[in-house]
Amino acid sequence: MAKKGKVRAVSFVAKSGTGKTTLLEKLIKELCSRGYRVGALKMVSRQFEIDQPGKDSYRLTSAGAEATMVCSPGKLAFMQTHVDPPDVDELLCRYFTEVDLVLVEGNKQGLLPKIEVFRKDRGESLLCRDGRDDPTYLAVASDCPLNLDIPVLDMNNVSEIADFLVEKVLKK
């Protein structure tokens, strides 16, 4: 079902420990069961190491390779060093052209459409209502009722969130 052109993506943003990854796991399964090809992009604000010391790919990168790829019959991994992180749109256009929708975890300050994940026990304040008008917020997925001027989705109803994504993002 993937279409040529702009990659469709939605960022899921929240305070740490709110359950973004758990929700995205469930959404990916739900959307895949409906026949959609889904990509996932996790944005992190700290350094991380995906490769393991002692492995051949780690040794090649440590020797100075600026880009290293590991490829097997069913999977590939690409590691590239950089001084400044690439723009999210650049990542989407370069690596996610074969999917219908990319679910991005993080990227609070970005320009992608966003759904905020909100749990009452993680605090009273909402990112989407922190004093600035940010039109990129499509909805809030919450574990409690909220009175907002954007849709409030039940974060425990993955089918409802998937329906929303299909209607507001995939059908456009």
Foldseek 3Di string as FASTA:
>chain_A
DFDPDAAFEEEEEEDPPLCPVVLVVVLCVVVVVVPFFEAEAEDDDDDDDPDDPPDPQVVVVVVPDQKGKDDDPPDMDIDGDDDDDDDPSVCCVVPPRPGLYYYYYDPLVDQAQYEYEDEVVVDDDDSCPPPDHRPSYQEYAYCDDDDDPHHYHPSVCSVRVSVVCCVPTRVD
